[in-house]
mmCIF file of all heavy atoms, coordinates in Angstrom:
data_MODEL
# 
_entry.id   MODEL 
# 
loop_
_atom_site.group_PDB 
_atom_site.id 
_atom_site.type_symbol 
_atom_site.label_atom_id 
_atom_site.label_alt_id 
_atom_site.label_comp_id 
_atom_site.label_asym_id 
_atom_site.label_entity_id 
_atom_site.label_seq_id 
_atom_site.pdbx_PDB_ins_code 
_atom_site.Cartn_x 
_atom_site.Cartn_y 
_atom_site.Cartn_z 
_atom_site.occupancy 
_atom_site.B_iso_or_equiv 
_atom_site.pdbx_formal_charge 
_atom_site.auth_seq_id 
_atom_site.auth_comp_id 
_atom_site.auth_asym_id 
_atom_site.auth_atom_id 
_atom_site.pdbx_PDB_model_num 
ATOM 1   N N   . ASP A 1 1  ? 0.839  -1.195  0.000   1.00 0.00 ? 1  ASP A N   1 
ATOM 2   C CA  . ASP A 1 1  ? 0.000  0.000   0.000   1.00 0.00 ? 1  ASP A CA  1 
ATOM 3   C C   . ASP A 1 1  ? 0.878  1.252   0.000   1.00 0.00 ? 1  ASP A C   1 
ATOM 4   O O   . ASP A 1 1  ? 0.385  2.362   0.074   1.00 0.00 ? 1  ASP A O   1 
ATOM 5   C CB  . ASP A 1 1  ? -0.972 0.002   1.174   1.00 0.00 ? 1  ASP A CB  1 
ATOM 6   C CG  . ASP A 1 1  ? -0.276 0.171   2.518   1.00 0.00 ? 1  ASP A CG  1 
ATOM 7   O OD1 . ASP A 1 1  ? 0.967  0.188   2.579   1.00 0.00 ? 1  ASP A OD1 1 
ATOM 8   O OD2 . ASP A 1 1  ? -0.991 0.295   3.534   1.00 0.00 ? 1  ASP A OD2 1 
ATOM 9   N N   . TYR A 1 2  ? 2.193  1.072   -0.064  1.00 0.00 ? 2  TYR A N   1 
ATOM 10  C CA  . TYR A 1 2  ? 3.205  2.134   -0.114  1.00 0.00 ? 2  TYR A CA  1 
ATOM 11  C C   . TYR A 1 2  ? 3.276  2.980   1.153   1.00 0.00 ? 2  TYR A C   1 
ATOM 12  O O   . TYR A 1 2  ? 4.079  3.889   1.228   1.00 0.00 ? 2  TYR A O   1 
ATOM 13  C CB  . TYR A 1 2  ? 3.010  3.042   -1.342  1.00 0.00 ? 2  TYR A CB  1 
ATOM 14  C CG  . TYR A 1 2  ? 3.189  2.290   -2.633  1.00 0.00 ? 2  TYR A CG  1 
ATOM 15  C CD1 . TYR A 1 2  ? 2.071  1.852   -3.350  1.00 0.00 ? 2  TYR A CD1 1 
ATOM 16  C CD2 . TYR A 1 2  ? 4.448  1.995   -3.117  1.00 0.00 ? 2  TYR A CD2 1 
ATOM 17  C CE1 . TYR A 1 2  ? 2.234  1.142   -4.536  1.00 0.00 ? 2  TYR A CE1 1 
ATOM 18  C CE2 . TYR A 1 2  ? 4.627  1.285   -4.297  1.00 0.00 ? 2  TYR A CE2 1 
ATOM 19  C CZ  . TYR A 1 2  ? 3.507  0.865   -4.995  1.00 0.00 ? 2  TYR A CZ  1 
ATOM 20  O OH  . TYR A 1 2  ? 3.666  0.166   -6.156  1.00 0.00 ? 2  TYR A OH  1 
ATOM 21  N N   . ASN A 1 3  ? 2.452  2.683   2.139   1.00 0.00 ? 3  ASN A N   1 
ATOM 22  C CA  . ASN A 1 3  ? 2.483  3.437   3.390   1.00 0.00 ? 3  ASN A CA  1 
ATOM 23  C C   . ASN A 1 3  ? 2.780  2.570   4.606   1.00 0.00 ? 3  ASN A C   1 
ATOM 24  O O   . ASN A 1 3  ? 3.586  2.934   5.446   1.00 0.00 ? 3  ASN A O   1 
ATOM 25  C CB  . ASN A 1 3  ? 1.141  4.157   3.622   1.00 0.00 ? 3  ASN A CB  1 
ATOM 26  C CG  . ASN A 1 3  ? 0.912  5.253   2.622   1.00 0.00 ? 3  ASN A CG  1 
ATOM 27  O OD1 . ASN A 1 3  ? 1.779  6.078   2.390   1.00 0.00 ? 3  ASN A OD1 1 
ATOM 28  N ND2 . ASN A 1 3  ? -0.266 5.261   2.019   1.00 0.00 ? 3  ASN A ND2 1 
ATOM 29  N N   . LEU A 1 4  ? 2.115  1.417   4.677   1.00 0.00 ? 4  LEU A N   1 
ATOM 30  C CA  . LEU A 1 4  ? 2.187  0.608   5.888   1.00 0.00 ? 4  LEU A CA  1 
ATOM 31  C C   . LEU A 1 4  ? 2.925  -0.717  5.711   1.00 0.00 ? 4  LEU A C   1 
ATOM 32  O O   . LEU A 1 4  ? 3.614  -1.170  6.614   1.00 0.00 ? 4  LEU A O   1 
ATOM 33  C CB  . LEU A 1 4  ? 0.768  0.351   6.406   1.00 0.00 ? 4  LEU A CB  1 
ATOM 34  C CG  . LEU A 1 4  ? 0.640  -0.302  7.764   1.00 0.00 ? 4  LEU A CG  1 
ATOM 35  C CD1 . LEU A 1 4  ? 1.313  0.538   8.844   1.00 0.00 ? 4  LEU A CD1 1 
ATOM 36  C CD2 . LEU A 1 4  ? -0.832 -0.507  8.110   1.00 0.00 ? 4  LEU A CD2 1 
ATOM 37  N N   . TYR A 1 5  ? 2.799  -1.349  4.553   1.00 0.00 ? 5  TYR A N   1 
ATOM 38  C CA  . TYR A 1 5  ? 3.376  -2.685  4.407   1.00 0.00 ? 5  TYR A CA  1 
ATOM 39  C C   . TYR A 1 5  ? 3.798  -2.966  2.965   1.00 0.00 ? 5  TYR A C   1 
ATOM 40  O O   . TYR A 1 5  ? 3.369  -2.302  2.027   1.00 0.00 ? 5  TYR A O   1 
ATOM 41  C CB  . TYR A 1 5  ? 2.366  -3.758  4.843   1.00 0.00 ? 5  TYR A CB  1 
ATOM 42  C CG  . TYR A 1 5  ? 1.338  -4.048  3.786   1.00 0.00 ? 5  TYR A CG  1 
ATOM 43  C CD1 . TYR A 1 5  ? 1.471  -5.162  2.960   1.00 0.00 ? 5  TYR A CD1 1 
ATOM 44  C CD2 . TYR A 1 5  ? 0.261  -3.188  3.565   1.00 0.00 ? 5  TYR A CD2 1 
ATOM 45  C CE1 . TYR A 1 5  ? 0.536  -5.422  1.962   1.00 0.00 ? 5  TYR A CE1 1 
ATOM 46  C CE2 . TYR A 1 5  ? -0.672 -3.443  2.581   1.00 0.00 ? 5  TYR A CE2 1 
ATOM 47  C CZ  . TYR A 1 5  ? -0.524 -4.556  1.784   1.00 0.00 ? 5  TYR A CZ  1 
ATOM 48  O OH  . TYR A 1 5  ? -1.430 -4.808  0.792   1.00 0.00 ? 5  TYR A OH  1 
ATOM 49  N N   . ALA A 1 6  ? 4.640  -3.975  2.830   1.00 0.00 ? 6  ALA A N   1 
ATOM 50  C CA  . ALA A 1 6  ? 5.022  -4.502  1.518   1.00 0.00 ? 6  ALA A CA  1 
ATOM 51  C C   . ALA A 1 6  ? 5.257  -6.001  1.671   1.00 0.00 ? 6  ALA A C   1 
ATOM 52  O O   . ALA A 1 6  ? 5.803  -6.459  2.679   1.00 0.00 ? 6  ALA A O   1 
ATOM 53  C CB  . ALA A 1 6  ? 6.290  -3.833  0.996   1.00 0.00 ? 6  ALA A CB  1 
ATOM 54  N N   . ALA A 1 7  ? 4.816  -6.754  0.682   1.00 0.00 ? 7  ALA A N   1 
ATOM 55  C CA  . ALA A 1 7  ? 5.033  -8.203  0.657   1.00 0.00 ? 7  ALA A CA  1 
ATOM 56  C C   . ALA A 1 7  ? 5.881  -8.530  -0.571  1.00 0.00 ? 7  ALA A C   1 
ATOM 57  O O   . ALA A 1 7  ? 5.634  -8.004  -1.662  1.00 0.00 ? 7  ALA A O   1 
ATOM 58  C CB  . ALA A 1 7  ? 3.715  -8.961  0.612   1.00 0.00 ? 7  ALA A CB  1 
ATOM 59  N N   . PHE A 1 8  ? 6.887  -9.363  -0.369  1.00 0.00 ? 8  PHE A N   1 
ATOM 60  C CA  . PHE A 1 8  ? 7.809  -9.750  -1.436  1.00 0.00 ? 8  PHE A CA  1 
ATOM 61  C C   . PHE A 1 8  ? 7.842  -11.257 -1.595  1.00 0.00 ? 8  PHE A C   1 
ATOM 62  O O   . PHE A 1 8  ? 7.714  -11.996 -0.615  1.00 0.00 ? 8  PHE A O   1 
ATOM 63  C CB  . PHE A 1 8  ? 9.235  -9.282  -1.119  1.00 0.00 ? 8  PHE A CB  1 
ATOM 64  C CG  . PHE A 1 8  ? 9.420  -7.793  -1.151  1.00 0.00 ? 8  PHE A CG  1 
ATOM 65  C CD1 . PHE A 1 8  ? 9.228  -7.036  -0.018  1.00 0.00 ? 8  PHE A CD1 1 
ATOM 66  C CD2 . PHE A 1 8  ? 9.799  -7.161  -2.324  1.00 0.00 ? 8  PHE A CD2 1 
ATOM 67  C CE1 . PHE A 1 8  ? 9.405  -5.661  -0.040  1.00 0.00 ? 8  PHE A CE1 1 
ATOM 68  C CE2 . PHE A 1 8  ? 9.981  -5.794  -2.368  1.00 0.00 ? 8  PHE A CE2 1 
ATOM 69  C CZ  . PHE A 1 8  ? 9.784  -5.037  -1.219  1.00 0.00 ? 8  PHE A CZ  1 
ATOM 70  N N   . HIS A 1 9  ? 8.053  -11.691 -2.826  1.00 0.00 ? 9  HIS A N   1 
ATOM 71  C CA  . HIS A 1 9  ? 8.312  -13.100 -3.128  1.00 0.00 ? 9  HIS A CA  1 
ATOM 72  C C   . HIS A 1 9  ? 9.752  -13.180 -3.622  1.00 0.00 ? 9  HIS A C   1 
ATOM 73  O O   . HIS A 1 9  ? 10.153 -12.422 -4.504  1.00 0.00 ? 9  HIS A O   1 
ATOM 74  C CB  . HIS A 1 9  ? 7.355  -13.614 -4.209  1.00 0.00 ? 9  HIS A CB  1 
ATOM 75  C CG  . HIS A 1 9  ? 7.647  -15.018 -4.611  1.00 0.00 ? 9  HIS A CG  1 
ATOM 76  N ND1 . HIS A 1 9  ? 8.267  -15.334 -5.794  1.00 0.00 ? 9  HIS A ND1 1 
ATOM 77  C CD2 . HIS A 1 9  ? 7.418  -16.194 -3.976  1.00 0.00 ? 9  HIS A CD2 1 
ATOM 78  C CE1 . HIS A 1 9  ? 8.397  -16.648 -5.864  1.00 0.00 ? 9  HIS A CE1 1 
ATOM 79  N NE2 . HIS A 1 9  ? 7.888  -17.188 -4.782  1.00 0.00 ? 9  HIS A NE2 1 
ATOM 80  N N   . LEU A 1 10 ? 10.522 -14.058 -3.024  1.00 0.00 ? 10 LEU A N   1 
ATOM 81  C CA  . LEU A 1 10 ? 11.927 -14.256 -3.392  1.00 0.00 ? 10 LEU A CA  1 
ATOM 82  C C   . LEU A 1 10 ? 12.092 -15.664 -3.935  1.00 0.00 ? 10 LEU A C   1 
ATOM 83  O O   . LEU A 1 10 ? 11.623 -16.632 -3.318  1.00 0.00 ? 10 LEU A O   1 
ATOM 84  C CB  . LEU A 1 10 ? 12.821 -14.073 -2.163  1.00 0.00 ? 10 LEU A CB  1 
ATOM 85  C CG  . LEU A 1 10 ? 14.266 -14.568 -2.247  1.00 0.00 ? 10 LEU A CG  1 
ATOM 86  C CD1 . LEU A 1 10 ? 15.087 -13.652 -3.130  1.00 0.00 ? 10 LEU A CD1 1 
ATOM 87  C CD2 . LEU A 1 10 ? 14.878 -14.664 -0.865  1.00 0.00 ? 10 LEU A CD2 1 
ATOM 88  N N   . HIS A 1 11 ? 12.723 -15.769 -5.088  1.00 0.00 ? 11 HIS A N   1 
ATOM 89  C CA  . HIS A 1 11 ? 13.095 -17.074 -5.635  1.00 0.00 ? 11 HIS A CA  1 
ATOM 90  C C   . HIS A 1 11 ? 14.612 -17.127 -5.553  1.00 0.00 ? 11 HIS A C   1 
ATOM 91  O O   . HIS A 1 11 ? 15.311 -16.357 -6.210  1.00 0.00 ? 11 HIS A O   1 
ATOM 92  C CB  . HIS A 1 11 ? 12.612 -17.211 -7.081  1.00 0.00 ? 11 HIS A CB  1 
ATOM 93  C CG  . HIS A 1 11 ? 12.962 -18.532 -7.669  1.00 0.00 ? 11 HIS A CG  1 
ATOM 94  N ND1 . HIS A 1 11 ? 13.987 -18.701 -8.562  1.00 0.00 ? 11 HIS A ND1 1 
ATOM 95  C CD2 . HIS A 1 11 ? 12.427 -19.757 -7.476  1.00 0.00 ? 11 HIS A CD2 1 
ATOM 96  C CE1 . HIS A 1 11 ? 14.066 -19.964 -8.896  1.00 0.00 ? 11 HIS A CE1 1 
ATOM 97  N NE2 . HIS A 1 11 ? 13.124 -20.627 -8.250  1.00 0.00 ? 11 HIS A NE2 1 
ATOM 98  N N   . SER A 1 12 ? 15.123 -17.999 -4.697  1.00 0.00 ? 12 SER A N   1 
ATOM 99  C CA  . SER A 1 12 ? 16.560 -18.086 -4.437  1.00 0.00 ? 12 SER A CA  1 
ATOM 100 C C   . SER A 1 12 ? 17.120 -19.399 -4.964  1.00 0.00 ? 12 SER A C   1 
ATOM 101 O O   . SER A 1 12 ? 16.536 -20.462 -4.744  1.00 0.00 ? 12 SER A O   1 
ATOM 102 C CB  . SER A 1 12 ? 16.810 -17.996 -2.925  1.00 0.00 ? 12 SER A CB  1 
ATOM 103 O OG  . SER A 1 12 ? 18.174 -18.178 -2.632  1.00 0.00 ? 12 SER A OG  1 
ATOM 104 N N   . VAL A 1 13 ? 18.252 -19.304 -5.643  1.00 0.00 ? 13 VAL A N   1 
ATOM 105 C CA  . VAL A 1 13 ? 18.961 -20.501 -6.096  1.00 0.00 ? 13 VAL A CA  1 
ATOM 106 C C   . VAL A 1 13 ? 20.367 -20.448 -5.499  1.00 0.00 ? 13 VAL A C   1 
ATOM 107 O O   . VAL A 1 13 ? 21.127 -19.515 -5.762  1.00 0.00 ? 13 VAL A O   1 
ATOM 108 C CB  . VAL A 1 13 ? 19.037 -20.586 -7.631  1.00 0.00 ? 13 VAL A CB  1 
ATOM 109 C CG1 . VAL A 1 13 ? 19.800 -21.844 -8.051  1.00 0.00 ? 13 VAL A CG1 1 
ATOM 110 C CG2 . VAL A 1 13 ? 17.649 -20.566 -8.241  1.00 0.00 ? 13 VAL A CG2 1 
ATOM 111 N N   . ARG A 1 14 ? 20.669 -21.429 -4.674  1.00 0.00 ? 14 ARG A N   1 
ATOM 112 C CA  . ARG A 1 14 ? 21.978 -21.520 -4.044  1.00 0.00 ? 14 ARG A CA  1 
ATOM 113 C C   . ARG A 1 14 ? 22.454 -22.964 -4.156  1.00 0.00 ? 14 ARG A C   1 
ATOM 114 O O   . ARG A 1 14 ? 21.741 -23.882 -3.757  1.00 0.00 ? 14 ARG A O   1 
ATOM 115 C CB  . ARG A 1 14 ? 21.897 -21.110 -2.582  1.00 0.00 ? 14 ARG A CB  1 
ATOM 116 C CG  . ARG A 1 14 ? 23.242 -21.132 -1.905  1.00 0.00 ? 14 ARG A CG  1 
ATOM 117 C CD  . ARG A 1 14 ? 23.164 -20.595 -0.501  1.00 0.00 ? 14 ARG A CD  1 
ATOM 118 N NE  . ARG A 1 14 ? 24.502 -20.500 0.059   1.00 0.00 ? 14 ARG A NE  1 
ATOM 119 C CZ  . ARG A 1 14 ? 24.750 -20.425 1.325   1.00 0.00 ? 14 ARG A CZ  1 
ATOM 120 N NH1 . ARG A 1 14 ? 23.764 -20.389 2.194   1.00 0.00 ? 14 ARG A NH1 1 
ATOM 121 N NH2 . ARG A 1 14 ? 25.994 -20.359 1.748   1.00 0.00 ? 14 ARG A NH2 1 
ATOM 122 N N   . ASN A 1 15 ? 23.631 -23.134 -4.701  1.00 0.00 ? 15 ASN A N   1 
ATOM 123 C CA  . ASN A 1 15 ? 24.178 -24.481 -4.898  1.00 0.00 ? 15 ASN A CA  1 
ATOM 124 C C   . ASN A 1 15 ? 23.190 -25.372 -5.645  1.00 0.00 ? 15 ASN A C   1 
ATOM 125 O O   . ASN A 1 15 ? 22.951 -26.508 -5.271  1.00 0.00 ? 15 ASN A O   1 
ATOM 126 C CB  . ASN A 1 15 ? 24.564 -25.121 -3.564  1.00 0.00 ? 15 ASN A CB  1 
ATOM 127 C CG  . ASN A 1 15 ? 25.610 -24.341 -2.830  1.00 0.00 ? 15 ASN A CG  1 
ATOM 128 O OD1 . ASN A 1 15 ? 26.474 -23.710 -3.437  1.00 0.00 ? 15 ASN A OD1 1 
ATOM 129 N ND2 . ASN A 1 15 ? 25.537 -24.355 -1.512  1.00 0.00 ? 15 ASN A ND2 1 
ATOM 130 N N   . ARG A 1 16 ? 22.578 -24.825 -6.677  1.00 0.00 ? 16 ARG A N   1 
ATOM 131 C CA  . ARG A 1 16 ? 21.608 -25.510 -7.539  1.00 0.00 ? 16 ARG A CA  1 
ATOM 132 C C   . ARG A 1 16 ? 20.335 -25.943 -6.816  1.00 0.00 ? 16 ARG A C   1 
ATOM 133 O O   . ARG A 1 16 ? 19.563 -26.741 -7.330  1.00 0.00 ? 16 ARG A O   1 
ATOM 134 C CB  . ARG A 1 16 ? 22.255 -26.685 -8.249  1.00 0.00 ? 16 ARG A CB  1 
ATOM 135 C CG  . ARG A 1 16 ? 23.301 -26.245 -9.255  1.00 0.00 ? 16 ARG A CG  1 
ATOM 136 C CD  . ARG A 1 16 ? 23.867 -27.409 -9.956  1.00 0.00 ? 16 ARG A CD  1 
ATOM 137 N NE  . ARG A 1 16 ? 24.620 -28.210 -8.981  1.00 0.00 ? 16 ARG A NE  1 
ATOM 138 C CZ  . ARG A 1 16 ? 25.646 -28.962 -9.269  1.00 0.00 ? 16 ARG A CZ  1 
ATOM 139 N NH1 . ARG A 1 16 ? 26.038 -29.086 -10.500 1.00 0.00 ? 16 ARG A NH1 1 
ATOM 140 N NH2 . ARG A 1 16 ? 26.278 -29.634 -8.338  1.00 0.00 ? 16 ARG A NH2 1 
ATOM 141 N N   . THR A 1 17 ? 20.115 -25.417 -5.595  1.00 0.00 ? 17 THR A N   1 
ATOM 142 C CA  . THR A 1 17 ? 18.903 -25.716 -4.847  1.00 0.00 ? 17 THR A CA  1 
ATOM 143 C C   . THR A 1 17 ? 18.010 -24.479 -4.844  1.00 0.00 ? 17 THR A C   1 
ATOM 144 O O   . THR A 1 17 ? 18.471 -23.386 -4.520  1.00 0.00 ? 17 THR A O   1 
ATOM 145 C CB  . THR A 1 17 ? 19.239 -26.122 -3.394  1.00 0.00 ? 17 THR A CB  1 
ATOM 146 O OG1 . THR A 1 17 ? 20.076 -27.278 -3.425  1.00 0.00 ? 17 THR A OG1 1 
ATOM 147 C CG2 . THR A 1 17 ? 17.979 -26.433 -2.605  1.00 0.00 ? 17 THR A CG2 1 
ATOM 148 N N   . GLN A 1 18 ? 16.742 -24.685 -5.197  1.00 0.00 ? 18 GLN A N   1 
ATOM 149 C CA  . GLN A 1 18 ? 15.797 -23.569 -5.268  1.00 0.00 ? 18 GLN A CA  1 
ATOM 150 C C   . GLN A 1 18 ? 14.975 -23.480 -3.982  1.00 0.00 ? 18 GLN A C   1 
ATOM 151 O O   . GLN A 1 18 ? 14.553 -24.491 -3.440  1.00 0.00 ? 18 GLN A O   1 
ATOM 152 C CB  . GLN A 1 18 ? 14.852 -23.764 -6.447  1.00 0.00 ? 18 GLN A CB  1 
ATOM 153 C CG  . GLN A 1 18 ? 15.566 -23.773 -7.776  1.00 0.00 ? 18 GLN A CG  1 
ATOM 154 C CD  . GLN A 1 18 ? 14.591 -23.886 -8.920  1.00 0.00 ? 18 GLN A CD  1 
ATOM 155 O OE1 . GLN A 1 18 ? 13.502 -23.339 -8.875  1.00 0.00 ? 18 GLN A OE1 1 
ATOM 156 N NE2 . GLN A 1 18 ? 14.998 -24.602 -9.965  1.00 0.00 ? 18 GLN A NE2 1 
ATOM 157 N N   . THR A 1 19 ? 14.780 -22.245 -3.532  1.00 0.00 ? 19 THR A N   1 
ATOM 158 C CA  . THR A 1 19 ? 13.944 -21.983 -2.366  1.00 0.00 ? 19 THR A CA  1 
ATOM 159 C C   . THR A 1 19 ? 13.031 -20.814 -2.689  1.00 0.00 ? 19 THR A C   1 
ATOM 160 O O   . THR A 1 19 ? 13.475 -19.814 -3.245  1.00 0.00 ? 19 THR A O   1 
ATOM 161 C CB  . THR A 1 19 ? 14.799 -21.624 -1.125  1.00 0.00 ? 19 THR A CB  1 
ATOM 162 O OG1 . THR A 1 19 ? 15.733 -22.674 -0.878  1.00 0.00 ? 19 THR A OG1 1 
ATOM 163 C CG2 . THR A 1 19 ? 13.933 -21.434 0.110   1.00 0.00 ? 19 THR A CG2 1 
ATOM 164 N N   . ARG A 1 20 ? 11.754 -20.959 -2.336  1.00 0.00 ? 20 ARG A N   1 
ATOM 165 C CA  . ARG A 1 20 ? 10.799 -19.859 -2.461  1.00 0.00 ? 20 ARG A CA  1 
ATOM 166 C C   . ARG A 1 20 ? 10.608 -19.251 -1.081  1.00 0.00 ? 20 ARG A C   1 
ATOM 167 O O   . ARG A 1 20 ? 10.413 -19.977 -0.096  1.00 0.00 ? 20 ARG A O   1 
ATOM 168 C CB  . ARG A 1 20 ? 9.454  -20.358 -2.974  1.00 0.00 ? 20 ARG A CB  1 
ATOM 169 C CG  . ARG A 1 20 ? 9.486  -20.836 -4.405  1.00 0.00 ? 20 ARG A CG  1 
ATOM 170 C CD  . ARG A 1 20 ? 8.152  -21.444 -4.726  1.00 0.00 ? 20 ARG A CD  1 
ATOM 171 N NE  . ARG A 1 20 ? 7.721  -22.154 -3.503  1.00 0.00 ? 20 ARG A NE  1 
ATOM 172 C CZ  . ARG A 1 20 ? 7.297  -23.396 -3.448  1.00 0.00 ? 20 ARG A CZ  1 
ATOM 173 N NH1 . ARG A 1 20 ? 7.120  -24.073 -4.481  1.00 0.00 ? 20 ARG A NH1 1 
ATOM 174 N NH2 . ARG A 1 20 ? 6.978  -23.982 -2.333  1.00 0.00 ? 20 ARG A NH2 1 
ATOM 175 N N   . VAL A 1 21 ? 10.637 -17.926 -1.015  1.00 0.00 ? 21 VAL A N   1 
ATOM 176 C CA  . VAL A 1 21 ? 10.466 -17.219 0.252   1.00 0.00 ? 21 VAL A CA  1 
ATOM 177 C C   . VAL A 1 21 ? 9.434  -16.112 0.065   1.00 0.00 ? 21 VAL A C   1 
ATOM 178 O O   . VAL A 1 21 ? 9.447  -15.416 -0.947  1.00 0.00 ? 21 VAL A O   1 
ATOM 179 C CB  . VAL A 1 21 ? 11.801 -16.592 0.728   1.00 0.00 ? 21 VAL A CB  1 
ATOM 180 C CG1 . VAL A 1 21 ? 11.605 -15.811 2.017   1.00 0.00 ? 21 VAL A CG1 1 
ATOM 181 C CG2 . VAL A 1 21 ? 12.874 -17.654 0.903   1.00 0.00 ? 21 VAL A CG2 1 
ATOM 182 N N   . MET A 1 22 ? 8.566  -15.976 1.032   1.00 0.00 ? 22 MET A N   1 
ATOM 183 C CA  . MET A 1 22 ? 7.645  -14.841 1.089   1.00 0.00 ? 22 MET A CA  1 
ATOM 184 C C   . MET A 1 22 ? 8.015  -14.035 2.328   1.00 0.00 ? 22 MET A C   1 
ATOM 185 O O   . MET A 1 22 ? 8.363  -14.614 3.367   1.00 0.00 ? 22 MET A O   1 
ATOM 186 C CB  . MET A 1 22 ? 6.190  -15.310 1.207   1.00 0.00 ? 22 MET A CB  1 
ATOM 187 C CG  . MET A 1 22 ? 5.643  -16.019 -0.007  1.00 0.00 ? 22 MET A CG  1 
ATOM 188 S SD  . MET A 1 22 ? 5.504  -14.988 -1.475  1.00 0.00 ? 22 MET A SD  1 
ATOM 189 C CE  . MET A 1 22 ? 4.358  -13.735 -0.936  1.00 0.00 ? 22 MET A CE  1 
ATOM 190 N N   . ALA A 1 23 ? 7.956  -12.717 2.195   1.00 0.00 ? 23 ALA A N   1 
ATOM 191 C CA  . ALA A 1 23 ? 8.277  -11.854 3.333   1.00 0.00 ? 23 ALA A CA  1 
ATOM 192 C C   . ALA A 1 23 ? 7.280  -10.710 3.397   1.00 0.00 ? 23 ALA A C   1 
ATOM 193 O O   . ALA A 1 23 ? 6.921  -10.135 2.378   1.00 0.00 ? 23 ALA A O   1 
ATOM 194 C CB  . ALA A 1 23 ? 9.690  -11.313 3.202   1.00 0.00 ? 23 ALA A CB  1 
ATOM 195 N N   . LEU A 1 24 ? 6.847  -10.408 4.600   1.00 0.00 ? 24 LEU A N   1 
ATOM 196 C CA  . LEU A 1 24 ? 5.942  -9.296  4.863   1.00 0.00 ? 24 LEU A CA  1 
ATOM 197 C C   . LEU A 1 24 ? 6.677  -8.308  5.750   1.00 0.00 ? 24 LEU A C   1 
ATOM 198 O O   . LEU A 1 24 ? 7.162  -8.675  6.827   1.00 0.00 ? 24 LEU A O   1 
ATOM 199 C CB  . LEU A 1 24 ? 4.682  -9.800  5.571   1.00 0.00 ? 24 LEU A CB  1 
ATOM 200 C CG  . LEU A 1 24 ? 3.694  -8.732  6.043   1.00 0.00 ? 24 LEU A CG  1 
ATOM 201 C CD1 . LEU A 1 24 ? 3.080  -8.008  4.845   1.00 0.00 ? 24 LEU A CD1 1 
ATOM 202 C CD2 . LEU A 1 24 ? 2.611  -9.380  6.901   1.00 0.00 ? 24 LEU A CD2 1 
# 
């Protein structure tokens, strides 16, 4: 909402292993 919160989705690849992360 550009004032109070932001939610992000992260797609991470480390050592050929994929991880999905959500952050608020």
